[in-house]
């Protein structure tokens, strides 16, 4: 079982991801709507893993990933993106993300990704 922080500006996406994870007994310890909130919650909650959207208001997922990795180089951040844009995914991986998954979520892919890193 992993503790997980979900970061996405769309409540529906956070809910969908939480449902997939909780079915497998993972614990969603927090949800954030933007990168700034993600940074604060990461420091408070110290989750095992973060699912991070890329396109969000205030601070995007690539910036938030960089800042979390600066503070905790061992952070496990998985980028979630509806945009299959290679350049953005590469910038997220360069920022320190461990992997990425594409929206809409494939339940098996989400769970396999968690198992891979936890």
N, C-alpha and C. Protein backbone atom coordinates (compact mmCIF):
# COMPACT_ATOMS: atom_id res chain seq x y z
N UNK A 1 0.84 -1.20 0.00
CA UNK A 1 0.00 0.00 0.00
C UNK A 1 0.87 1.25 0.00
N UNK A 2 0.53 2.18 -0.85
CA UNK A 2 1.30 3.41 -0.96
C UNK A 2 0.46 4.60 -0.51
N UNK A 3 1.14 5.64 -0.01
CA UNK A 3 0.46 6.91 0.24
C UNK A 3 0.72 7.79 -0.98
N UNK A 4 -0.36 8.40 -1.46
CA UNK A 4 -0.29 9.08 -2.76
C UNK A 4 -0.91 10.48 -2.69
N UNK A 5 -0.24 11.43 -3.34
CA UNK A 5 -0.75 12.79 -3.51
C UNK A 5 -1.16 12.93 -4.98
N UNK A 6 -2.38 13.40 -5.21
CA UNK A 6 -2.89 13.60 -6.57
C UNK A 6 -2.96 15.10 -6.85
N UNK A 7 -2.31 15.52 -7.94
CA UNK A 7 -2.28 16.93 -8.30
C UNK A 7 -2.87 17.11 -9.70
N UNK A 8 -4.03 17.77 -9.76
CA UNK A 8 -4.68 18.05 -11.05
C UNK A 8 -5.69 19.16 -10.81
N UNK A 9 -5.82 20.08 -11.76
CA UNK A 9 -6.76 21.17 -11.56
C UNK A 9 -8.21 20.75 -11.80
N UNK A 10 -8.43 19.56 -12.34
CA UNK A 10 -9.79 19.07 -12.58
C UNK A 10 -10.21 18.08 -11.49
N UNK A 11 -11.24 18.45 -10.73
CA UNK A 11 -11.72 17.60 -9.65
C UNK A 11 -12.10 16.21 -10.17
N UNK A 12 -12.73 16.16 -11.34
CA UNK A 12 -13.15 14.89 -11.93
C UNK A 12 -11.96 13.94 -12.12
N UNK A 13 -10.84 14.49 -12.58
CA UNK A 13 -9.64 13.68 -12.80
C UNK A 13 -9.10 13.18 -11.46
N UNK A 14 -9.06 14.06 -10.47
CA UNK A 14 -8.57 13.65 -9.13
C UNK A 14 -9.44 12.52 -8.58
N UNK A 15 -10.74 12.66 -8.75
CA UNK A 15 -11.68 11.65 -8.26
C UNK A 15 -11.50 10.32 -8.99
N UNK A 16 -11.37 10.38 -10.31
CA UNK A 16 -11.17 9.17 -11.11
C UNK A 16 -9.91 8.43 -10.67
N UNK A 17 -8.82 9.16 -10.53
CA UNK A 17 -7.55 8.56 -10.13
C UNK A 17 -7.64 8.00 -8.70
N UNK A 18 -8.26 8.74 -7.80
CA UNK A 18 -8.41 8.27 -6.42
C UNK A 18 -9.21 6.97 -6.37
N UNK A 19 -10.27 6.88 -7.16
CA UNK A 19 -11.08 5.65 -7.18
C UNK A 19 -10.26 4.45 -7.64
N UNK A 20 -9.46 4.63 -8.69
CA UNK A 20 -8.61 3.54 -9.19
C UNK A 20 -7.64 3.09 -8.10
N UNK A 21 -6.99 4.05 -7.46
CA UNK A 21 -5.96 3.74 -6.46
C UNK A 21 -6.54 3.11 -5.20
N UNK A 22 -7.67 3.65 -4.75
CA UNK A 22 -8.26 3.15 -3.50
C UNK A 22 -8.83 1.75 -3.64
N UNK A 23 -9.23 1.38 -4.86
CA UNK A 23 -9.69 0.00 -5.10
C UNK A 23 -8.59 -1.01 -4.80
N UNK A 24 -7.35 -0.58 -4.98
CA UNK A 24 -6.19 -1.45 -4.72
C UNK A 24 -5.57 -1.18 -3.35
N UNK A 25 -6.34 -0.52 -2.48
CA UNK A 25 -5.92 -0.24 -1.10
C UNK A 25 -4.77 0.74 -0.95
N UNK A 26 -4.53 1.56 -1.96
CA UNK A 26 -3.57 2.64 -1.79
C UNK A 26 -4.30 3.78 -1.10
N UNK A 27 -3.56 4.60 -0.36
CA UNK A 27 -4.18 5.68 0.39
C UNK A 27 -3.88 7.03 -0.26
N UNK A 28 -4.93 7.72 -0.69
CA UNK A 28 -4.76 9.07 -1.23
C UNK A 28 -4.74 10.00 -0.02
N UNK A 29 -3.55 10.53 0.29
CA UNK A 29 -3.38 11.34 1.50
C UNK A 29 -3.66 12.82 1.26
N UNK A 30 -3.70 13.22 -0.03
CA UNK A 30 -3.98 14.62 -0.31
C UNK A 30 -4.25 14.85 -1.78
N UNK A 31 -4.90 15.99 -2.05
CA UNK A 31 -5.19 16.42 -3.42
C UNK A 31 -4.86 17.90 -3.53
N UNK A 32 -4.26 18.26 -4.67
CA UNK A 32 -3.93 19.66 -4.92
C UNK A 32 -4.45 20.05 -6.30
N UNK A 33 -4.77 21.35 -6.45
CA UNK A 33 -5.31 21.85 -7.71
C UNK A 33 -4.27 22.54 -8.58
N UNK A 34 -3.09 22.80 -8.01
CA UNK A 34 -2.03 23.46 -8.78
C UNK A 34 -0.67 23.09 -8.17
N UNK A 35 0.38 23.47 -8.87
CA UNK A 35 1.73 23.10 -8.44
C UNK A 35 2.13 23.71 -7.12
N UNK A 36 1.66 24.91 -6.84
CA UNK A 36 1.99 25.56 -5.57
C UNK A 36 1.42 24.76 -4.39
N UNK A 37 0.14 24.39 -4.51
CA UNK A 37 -0.48 23.56 -3.47
C UNK A 37 0.25 22.22 -3.35
N UNK A 38 0.65 21.67 -4.49
CA UNK A 38 1.35 20.38 -4.50
C UNK A 38 2.62 20.44 -3.68
N UNK A 39 3.36 21.53 -3.85
CA UNK A 39 4.62 21.72 -3.14
C UNK A 39 4.38 21.76 -1.62
N UNK A 40 3.38 22.53 -1.21
CA UNK A 40 3.05 22.64 0.22
C UNK A 40 2.61 21.28 0.78
N UNK A 41 1.70 20.61 0.07
CA UNK A 41 1.19 19.32 0.56
C UNK A 41 2.29 18.26 0.57
N UNK A 42 3.16 18.27 -0.42
CA UNK A 42 4.25 17.29 -0.45
C UNK A 42 5.10 17.42 0.81
N UNK A 43 5.43 18.66 1.16
CA UNK A 43 6.28 18.88 2.34
C UNK A 43 5.57 18.47 3.63
N UNK A 44 4.26 18.70 3.69
CA UNK A 44 3.49 18.32 4.89
C UNK A 44 3.29 16.81 4.99
N UNK A 45 2.91 16.18 3.88
CA UNK A 45 2.43 14.80 3.91
C UNK A 45 3.50 13.75 3.62
N UNK A 46 4.56 14.14 2.91
CA UNK A 46 5.63 13.20 2.52
C UNK A 46 5.06 11.91 1.93
N UNK A 47 4.28 12.01 0.85
CA UNK A 47 3.68 10.81 0.26
C UNK A 47 4.75 9.92 -0.40
N UNK A 48 4.41 8.65 -0.61
CA UNK A 48 5.31 7.73 -1.30
C UNK A 48 5.43 8.08 -2.78
N UNK A 49 4.33 8.63 -3.33
CA UNK A 49 4.26 8.84 -4.77
C UNK A 49 3.33 10.02 -5.07
N UNK A 50 3.63 10.75 -6.15
CA UNK A 50 2.79 11.87 -6.58
C UNK A 50 2.37 11.66 -8.03
N UNK A 51 1.07 11.80 -8.29
CA UNK A 51 0.58 11.87 -9.67
C UNK A 51 0.40 13.35 -9.96
N UNK A 52 1.13 13.87 -10.97
CA UNK A 52 1.19 15.30 -11.24
C UNK A 52 0.71 15.62 -12.65
N UNK A 53 -0.33 16.45 -12.74
CA UNK A 53 -0.77 16.96 -14.04
C UNK A 53 0.26 17.97 -14.54
N UNK A 54 0.30 18.21 -15.84
CA UNK A 54 1.25 19.19 -16.38
C UNK A 54 0.63 20.58 -16.46
N UNK A 55 -0.55 20.67 -17.07
CA UNK A 55 -1.16 21.97 -17.33
C UNK A 55 -2.09 22.37 -16.20
N UNK A 56 -1.62 23.33 -15.38
CA UNK A 56 -2.41 23.80 -14.24
C UNK A 56 -2.16 25.29 -14.04
N UNK A 57 -3.10 25.98 -13.38
CA UNK A 57 -2.89 27.40 -13.09
C UNK A 57 -1.83 27.60 -11.99
N UNK A 58 -1.38 28.81 -11.83
CA UNK A 58 -0.43 29.26 -10.80
C UNK A 58 0.98 28.69 -11.01
N UNK A 59 1.12 27.36 -10.92
CA UNK A 59 2.42 26.72 -11.18
C UNK A 59 2.15 25.40 -11.89
N UNK A 60 2.77 25.20 -13.06
CA UNK A 60 2.51 23.98 -13.81
C UNK A 60 3.24 22.77 -13.22
N UNK A 61 2.94 21.61 -13.75
CA UNK A 61 3.48 20.37 -13.20
C UNK A 61 4.97 20.20 -13.37
N UNK A 62 5.53 20.74 -14.46
CA UNK A 62 6.97 20.63 -14.67
C UNK A 62 7.71 21.46 -13.61
N UNK A 63 7.24 22.69 -13.37
CA UNK A 63 7.85 23.55 -12.35
C UNK A 63 7.73 22.92 -10.96
N UNK A 64 6.53 22.43 -10.65
CA UNK A 64 6.30 21.82 -9.34
C UNK A 64 7.19 20.59 -9.16
N UNK A 65 7.35 19.81 -10.22
CA UNK A 65 8.22 18.63 -10.15
C UNK A 65 9.65 19.06 -9.83
N UNK A 66 10.15 20.07 -10.53
CA UNK A 66 11.51 20.58 -10.28
C UNK A 66 11.68 20.97 -8.82
N UNK A 67 10.71 21.72 -8.30
CA UNK A 67 10.82 22.22 -6.93
C UNK A 67 10.75 21.10 -5.89
N UNK A 68 9.89 20.11 -6.13
CA UNK A 68 9.81 18.98 -5.20
C UNK A 68 11.12 18.19 -5.22
N UNK A 69 11.64 17.93 -6.42
CA UNK A 69 12.89 17.16 -6.55
C UNK A 69 14.07 17.92 -5.91
N UNK A 70 14.07 19.24 -6.01
CA UNK A 70 15.12 20.04 -5.35
C UNK A 70 15.12 19.79 -3.85
N UNK A 71 13.93 19.71 -3.26
CA UNK A 71 13.82 19.51 -1.82
C UNK A 71 13.96 18.04 -1.42
N UNK A 72 13.52 17.14 -2.30
CA UNK A 72 13.59 15.70 -2.02
C UNK A 72 13.96 14.96 -3.30
N UNK A 73 15.27 14.75 -3.52
CA UNK A 73 15.72 14.09 -4.75
C UNK A 73 15.17 12.67 -4.93
N UNK A 74 14.66 12.07 -3.86
CA UNK A 74 14.11 10.71 -3.93
C UNK A 74 12.62 10.68 -4.20
N UNK A 75 12.00 11.84 -4.38
CA UNK A 75 10.56 11.90 -4.63
C UNK A 75 10.21 11.11 -5.89
N UNK A 76 9.10 10.40 -5.82
CA UNK A 76 8.61 9.64 -6.98
C UNK A 76 7.41 10.39 -7.54
N UNK A 77 7.62 11.00 -8.69
CA UNK A 77 6.57 11.80 -9.33
C UNK A 77 6.24 11.20 -10.69
N UNK A 78 4.96 10.93 -10.89
CA UNK A 78 4.47 10.40 -12.16
C UNK A 78 3.67 11.52 -12.83
N UNK A 79 4.05 11.89 -14.02
CA UNK A 79 3.34 12.94 -14.75
C UNK A 79 2.11 12.35 -15.44
N UNK A 80 0.99 13.08 -15.34
CA UNK A 80 -0.25 12.68 -16.02
C UNK A 80 -0.55 13.76 -17.04
N UNK A 81 -0.76 13.37 -18.28
CA UNK A 81 -1.01 14.38 -19.29
C UNK A 81 -1.95 13.89 -20.37
N UNK A 82 -2.88 14.74 -20.74
CA UNK A 82 -3.75 14.44 -21.88
C UNK A 82 -3.01 14.75 -23.17
N UNK A 83 -2.00 15.57 -23.04
CA UNK A 83 -1.23 15.96 -24.21
C UNK A 83 -0.15 14.92 -24.44
N UNK A 84 -0.19 14.26 -25.57
CA UNK A 84 0.84 13.30 -25.85
C UNK A 84 2.04 13.99 -26.47
N UNK A 85 2.25 15.24 -26.11
CA UNK A 85 3.33 16.01 -26.71
C UNK A 85 4.67 15.57 -26.15
N UNK A 86 5.46 15.02 -27.02
CA UNK A 86 6.75 14.47 -26.64
C UNK A 86 7.62 15.48 -25.89
N UNK A 87 7.66 16.70 -26.37
CA UNK A 87 8.52 17.74 -25.79
C UNK A 87 8.18 18.01 -24.31
N UNK A 88 6.89 18.08 -24.01
CA UNK A 88 6.46 18.35 -22.63
C UNK A 88 6.80 17.18 -21.72
N UNK A 89 6.56 15.98 -22.20
CA UNK A 89 6.87 14.79 -21.41
C UNK A 89 8.38 14.73 -21.14
N UNK A 90 9.18 15.01 -22.15
CA UNK A 90 10.64 15.02 -21.98
C UNK A 90 11.05 16.07 -20.94
N UNK A 91 10.45 17.25 -20.99
CA UNK A 91 10.81 18.28 -20.01
C UNK A 91 10.42 17.85 -18.60
N UNK A 92 9.33 17.13 -18.46
CA UNK A 92 8.92 16.63 -17.14
C UNK A 92 9.90 15.57 -16.62
N UNK A 93 10.33 14.69 -17.50
CA UNK A 93 11.30 13.65 -17.11
C UNK A 93 12.64 14.33 -16.74
N UNK A 94 13.04 15.31 -17.53
CA UNK A 94 14.27 16.05 -17.22
C UNK A 94 14.17 16.78 -15.89
N UNK A 95 12.96 17.19 -15.53
CA UNK A 95 12.74 17.88 -14.25
C UNK A 95 12.81 16.91 -13.07
N UNK A 96 12.76 15.60 -13.36
CA UNK A 96 12.89 14.63 -12.29
C UNK A 96 11.74 13.63 -12.17
N UNK A 97 10.71 13.77 -13.01
CA UNK A 97 9.61 12.80 -12.96
C UNK A 97 10.14 11.42 -13.35
N UNK A 98 9.59 10.39 -12.74
CA UNK A 98 10.06 9.02 -12.98
C UNK A 98 9.38 8.37 -14.18
N UNK A 99 8.16 8.81 -14.49
CA UNK A 99 7.40 8.17 -15.57
C UNK A 99 6.24 9.10 -15.93
N UNK A 100 5.47 8.71 -16.93
CA UNK A 100 4.27 9.48 -17.26
C UNK A 100 3.18 8.52 -17.70
N UNK A 101 1.95 8.93 -17.45
CA UNK A 101 0.80 8.19 -17.94
C UNK A 101 -0.11 9.17 -18.67
N UNK A 102 -0.85 8.65 -19.64
CA UNK A 102 -1.68 9.49 -20.48
C UNK A 102 -3.14 9.43 -20.02
N UNK A 103 -3.80 10.58 -20.08
CA UNK A 103 -5.24 10.64 -19.81
C UNK A 103 -5.95 10.42 -21.13
N UNK A 104 -7.15 9.85 -21.14
CA UNK A 104 -7.85 9.26 -20.00
C UNK A 104 -7.09 8.04 -19.47
N UNK A 105 -7.22 7.81 -18.18
CA UNK A 105 -6.44 6.79 -17.51
C UNK A 105 -6.86 5.37 -17.89
N UNK A 106 -5.86 4.55 -18.12
CA UNK A 106 -6.05 3.12 -18.24
C UNK A 106 -5.78 2.56 -16.85
N UNK A 107 -6.80 1.97 -16.25
CA UNK A 107 -6.69 1.52 -14.86
C UNK A 107 -5.48 0.61 -14.63
N UNK A 108 -5.26 -0.34 -15.53
CA UNK A 108 -4.13 -1.25 -15.38
C UNK A 108 -2.80 -0.52 -15.45
N UNK A 109 -2.71 0.44 -16.34
CA UNK A 109 -1.46 1.21 -16.48
C UNK A 109 -1.17 2.00 -15.21
N UNK A 110 -2.19 2.61 -14.62
CA UNK A 110 -2.02 3.36 -13.38
C UNK A 110 -1.48 2.45 -12.29
N UNK A 111 -2.12 1.30 -12.12
CA UNK A 111 -1.73 0.38 -11.05
C UNK A 111 -0.35 -0.23 -11.28
N UNK A 112 -0.05 -0.54 -12.54
CA UNK A 112 1.29 -1.07 -12.86
C UNK A 112 2.37 -0.04 -12.55
N UNK A 113 2.07 1.22 -12.83
CA UNK A 113 3.04 2.28 -12.57
C UNK A 113 3.31 2.40 -11.07
N UNK A 114 2.26 2.36 -10.26
CA UNK A 114 2.45 2.41 -8.81
C UNK A 114 3.29 1.23 -8.34
N UNK A 115 2.95 0.03 -8.79
CA UNK A 115 3.70 -1.17 -8.39
C UNK A 115 5.16 -1.10 -8.80
N UNK A 116 5.41 -0.50 -9.94
CA UNK A 116 6.79 -0.38 -10.43
C UNK A 116 7.67 0.41 -9.49
N UNK A 117 7.10 1.42 -8.83
CA UNK A 117 7.91 2.34 -8.02
C UNK A 117 7.77 2.16 -6.52
N UNK A 118 6.78 1.40 -6.08
CA UNK A 118 6.56 1.25 -4.63
C UNK A 118 6.98 -0.15 -4.19
